[in-house]
Amino acid sequence: MAHGEQDSTTISIRVPAAMREQLEHLAEATGRSKSFLTSQALEDYLKREAWQVAAIKKGVAAAERGEFAGDDEVAKRFAKRGVKVAR
């Protein structure tokens, strides 16, 4: 859902006082409302978590099909990143 859409609702959450202060300072510095910034942060978090859950489910499904990387493939991938794997 994009920001500013008419189909919205109100929720209440508890946050530490320091976080509220940070939010207030950021809202003031950016000229945005605390509600806008909170909504944007929550939207970003939900997208990231949904992506991660989907990736995990995909990996679990592959593992259940027996699709695993062999020792050589794992060593090659680590080597590309400069990490030597002891065998």
C-alpha atoms as a PDB file:
ATOM      1  CA  MET A   1       0.000   0.000   0.000  1.00  0.00           C
ATOM      2  CA  ALA A   2       1.428   3.354  -0.949  1.00  0.00           C
ATOM      3  CA  HIS A   3       1.648   6.196   1.521  1.00  0.00           C
ATOM      4  CA  GLY A   4      -1.333   8.498   1.586  1.00  0.00           C
ATOM      5  CA  GLU A   5      -3.881   6.009   0.310  1.00  0.00           C
ATOM      6  CA  GLN A   6      -7.382   6.449   1.660  1.00  0.00           C
ATOM      7  CA  ASP A   7      -7.619   2.861   2.920  1.00  0.00           C
ATOM      8  CA  SER A   8      -5.668   3.264   6.140  1.00  0.00           C
ATOM      9  CA  THR A   9      -6.107   2.469   9.798  1.00  0.00           C
ATOM     10  CA  THR A  10      -4.610   3.536  13.098  1.00  0.00           C
ATOM     11  CA  ILE A  11      -2.495   1.322  15.331  1.00  0.00           C
ATOM     12  CA  SER A  12      -0.763   2.020  18.629  1.00  0.00           C
ATOM     13  CA  ILE A  13       2.628   0.672  19.649  1.00  0.00           C
ATOM     14  CA  ARG A  14       4.940   1.057  22.623  1.00  0.00           C
ATOM     15  CA  VAL A  15       8.496   2.160  21.934  1.00  0.00           C
ATOM     16  CA  PRO A  16      11.345   3.148  24.214  1.00  0.00           C
ATOM     17  CA  ALA A  17      11.460   6.857  25.018  1.00  0.00           C
ATOM     18  CA  ALA A  18      14.795   7.221  23.224  1.00  0.00           C
ATOM     19  CA  MET A  19      13.285   5.809  20.024  1.00  0.00           C
ATOM     20  CA  ARG A  20      10.383   8.238  20.233  1.00  0.00           C
ATOM     21  CA  GLU A  21      12.841  11.100  20.634  1.00  0.00           C
ATOM     22  CA  GLN A  22      14.808   9.923  17.597  1.00  0.00           C
ATOM     23  CA  LEU A  23      11.591   9.755  15.604  1.00  0.00           C
ATOM     24  CA  GLU A  24      10.602  13.257  16.684  1.00  0.00           C
ATOM     25  CA  HIS A  25      14.025  14.646  15.732  1.00  0.00           C
ATOM     26  CA  LEU A  26      13.959  12.916  12.351  1.00  0.00           C
ATOM     27  CA  ALA A  27      10.429  14.128  11.653  1.00  0.00           C
ATOM     28  CA  GLU A  28      11.451  17.684  12.473  1.00  0.00           C
ATOM     29  CA  ALA A  29      14.657  17.464  10.406  1.00  0.00           C
ATOM     30  CA  THR A  30      12.936  16.013   7.344  1.00  0.00           C
ATOM     31  CA  GLY A  31       9.671  17.930   7.515  1.00  0.00           C
ATOM     32  CA  ARG A  32       7.774  14.645   7.558  1.00  0.00           C
ATOM     33  CA  SER A  33       5.230  13.519  10.110  1.00  0.00           C
ATOM     34  CA  LYS A  34       6.055  10.878  12.703  1.00  0.00           C
ATOM     35  CA  SER A  35       3.196   8.854  11.247  1.00  0.00           C
ATOM     36  CA  PHE A  36       4.672   8.997   7.739  1.00  0.00           C
ATOM     37  CA  LEU A  37       8.135   7.966   8.925  1.00  0.00           C
ATOM     38  CA  THR A  38       6.769   5.145  11.051  1.00  0.00           C
ATOM     39  CA  SER A  39       4.595   3.873   8.217  1.00  0.00           C
ATOM     40  CA  GLN A  40       7.523   4.024   5.793  1.00  0.00           C
ATOM     41  CA  ALA A  41       9.788   2.147   8.223  1.00  0.00           C
ATOM     42  CA  LEU A  42       7.157  -0.526   8.805  1.00  0.00           C
ATOM     43  CA  GLU A  43       6.550  -0.907   5.070  1.00  0.00           C
ATOM     44  CA  ASP A  44      10.292  -1.349   4.427  1.00  0.00           C
ATOM     45  CA  TYR A  45      10.562  -3.881   7.265  1.00  0.00           C
ATOM     46  CA  LEU A  46       7.593  -5.919   6.028  1.00  0.00           C
ATOM     47  CA  LYS A  47       8.958  -6.054   2.479  1.00  0.00           C
ATOM     48  CA  ARG A  48      12.377  -7.174   3.712  1.00  0.00           C
ATOM     49  CA  GLU A  49      10.967  -9.818   6.030  1.00  0.00           C
ATOM     50  CA  ALA A  50       8.584 -11.146   3.358  1.00  0.00           C
ATOM     51  CA  TRP A  51      11.533 -11.480   0.960  1.00  0.00           C
ATOM     52  CA  GLN A  52      13.557 -13.333   3.595  1.00  0.00           C
ATOM     53  CA  VAL A  53      10.717 -15.719   4.475  1.00  0.00           C
ATOM     54  CA  ALA A  54      10.154 -16.468   0.770  1.00  0.00           C
ATOM     55  CA  ALA A  55      13.876 -17.154   0.281  1.00  0.00           C
ATOM     56  CA  ILE A  56      13.946 -19.471   3.284  1.00  0.00           C
ATOM     57  CA  LYS A  57      10.888 -21.369   2.042  1.00  0.00           C
ATOM     58  CA  LYS A  58      12.514 -21.719  -1.380  1.00  0.00           C
ATOM     59  CA  GLY A  59      15.699 -23.056   0.237  1.00  0.00           C
ATOM     60  CA  VAL A  60      13.801 -25.516   2.417  1.00  0.00           C
ATOM     61  CA  ALA A  61      11.875 -26.783  -0.616  1.00  0.00           C
ATOM     62  CA  ALA A  62      15.139 -27.277  -2.521  1.00  0.00           C
ATOM     63  CA  ALA A  63      16.646 -29.114   0.445  1.00  0.00           C
ATOM     64  CA  GLU A  64      13.599 -31.360   0.693  1.00  0.00           C
ATOM     65  CA  ARG A  65      14.142 -32.246  -2.983  1.00  0.00           C
ATOM     66  CA  GLY A  66      17.732 -33.171  -2.119  1.00  0.00           C
ATOM     67  CA  GLU A  67      19.258 -30.194  -3.911  1.00  0.00           C
ATOM     68  CA  PHE A  68      22.371 -29.545  -1.865  1.00  0.00           C
ATOM     69  CA  ALA A  69      25.688 -27.999  -2.838  1.00  0.00           C
ATOM     70  CA  GLY A  70      28.535 -30.490  -2.782  1.00  0.00           C
ATOM     71  CA  ASP A  71      31.818 -29.914  -0.971  1.00  0.00           C
ATOM     72  CA  ASP A  72      33.589 -28.780  -4.164  1.00  0.00           C
ATOM     73  CA  GLU A  73      30.875 -26.250  -5.005  1.00  0.00           C
ATOM     74  CA  VAL A  74      30.912 -24.833  -1.489  1.00  0.00           C
ATOM     75  CA  ALA A  75      34.718 -24.542  -1.535  1.00  0.00           C
ATOM     76  CA  LYS A  76      34.600 -22.748  -4.917  1.00  0.00           C
ATOM     77  CA  ARG A  77      32.025 -20.239  -3.675  1.00  0.00           C
ATOM     78  CA  PHE A  78      34.040 -19.492  -0.556  1.00  0.00           C
ATOM     79  CA  ALA A  79      37.245 -19.224  -2.623  1.00  0.00           C
ATOM     80  CA  LYS A  80      35.603 -16.555  -4.799  1.00  0.00           C
ATOM     81  CA  ARG A  81      35.303 -14.503  -1.633  1.00  0.00           C
ATOM     82  CA  GLY A  82      38.874 -15.170  -0.530  1.00  0.00           C
ATOM     83  CA  VAL A  83      38.022 -17.750   2.123  1.00  0.00           C
ATOM     84  CA  LYS A  84      39.859 -21.063   2.174  1.00  0.00           C
ATOM     85  CA  VAL A  85      37.780 -24.007   3.374  1.00  0.00           C
ATOM     86  CA  ALA A  86      39.535 -26.761   5.305  1.00  0.00           C
ATOM     87  CA  ARG A  87      38.509 -30.260   4.336  1.00  0.00           C
END
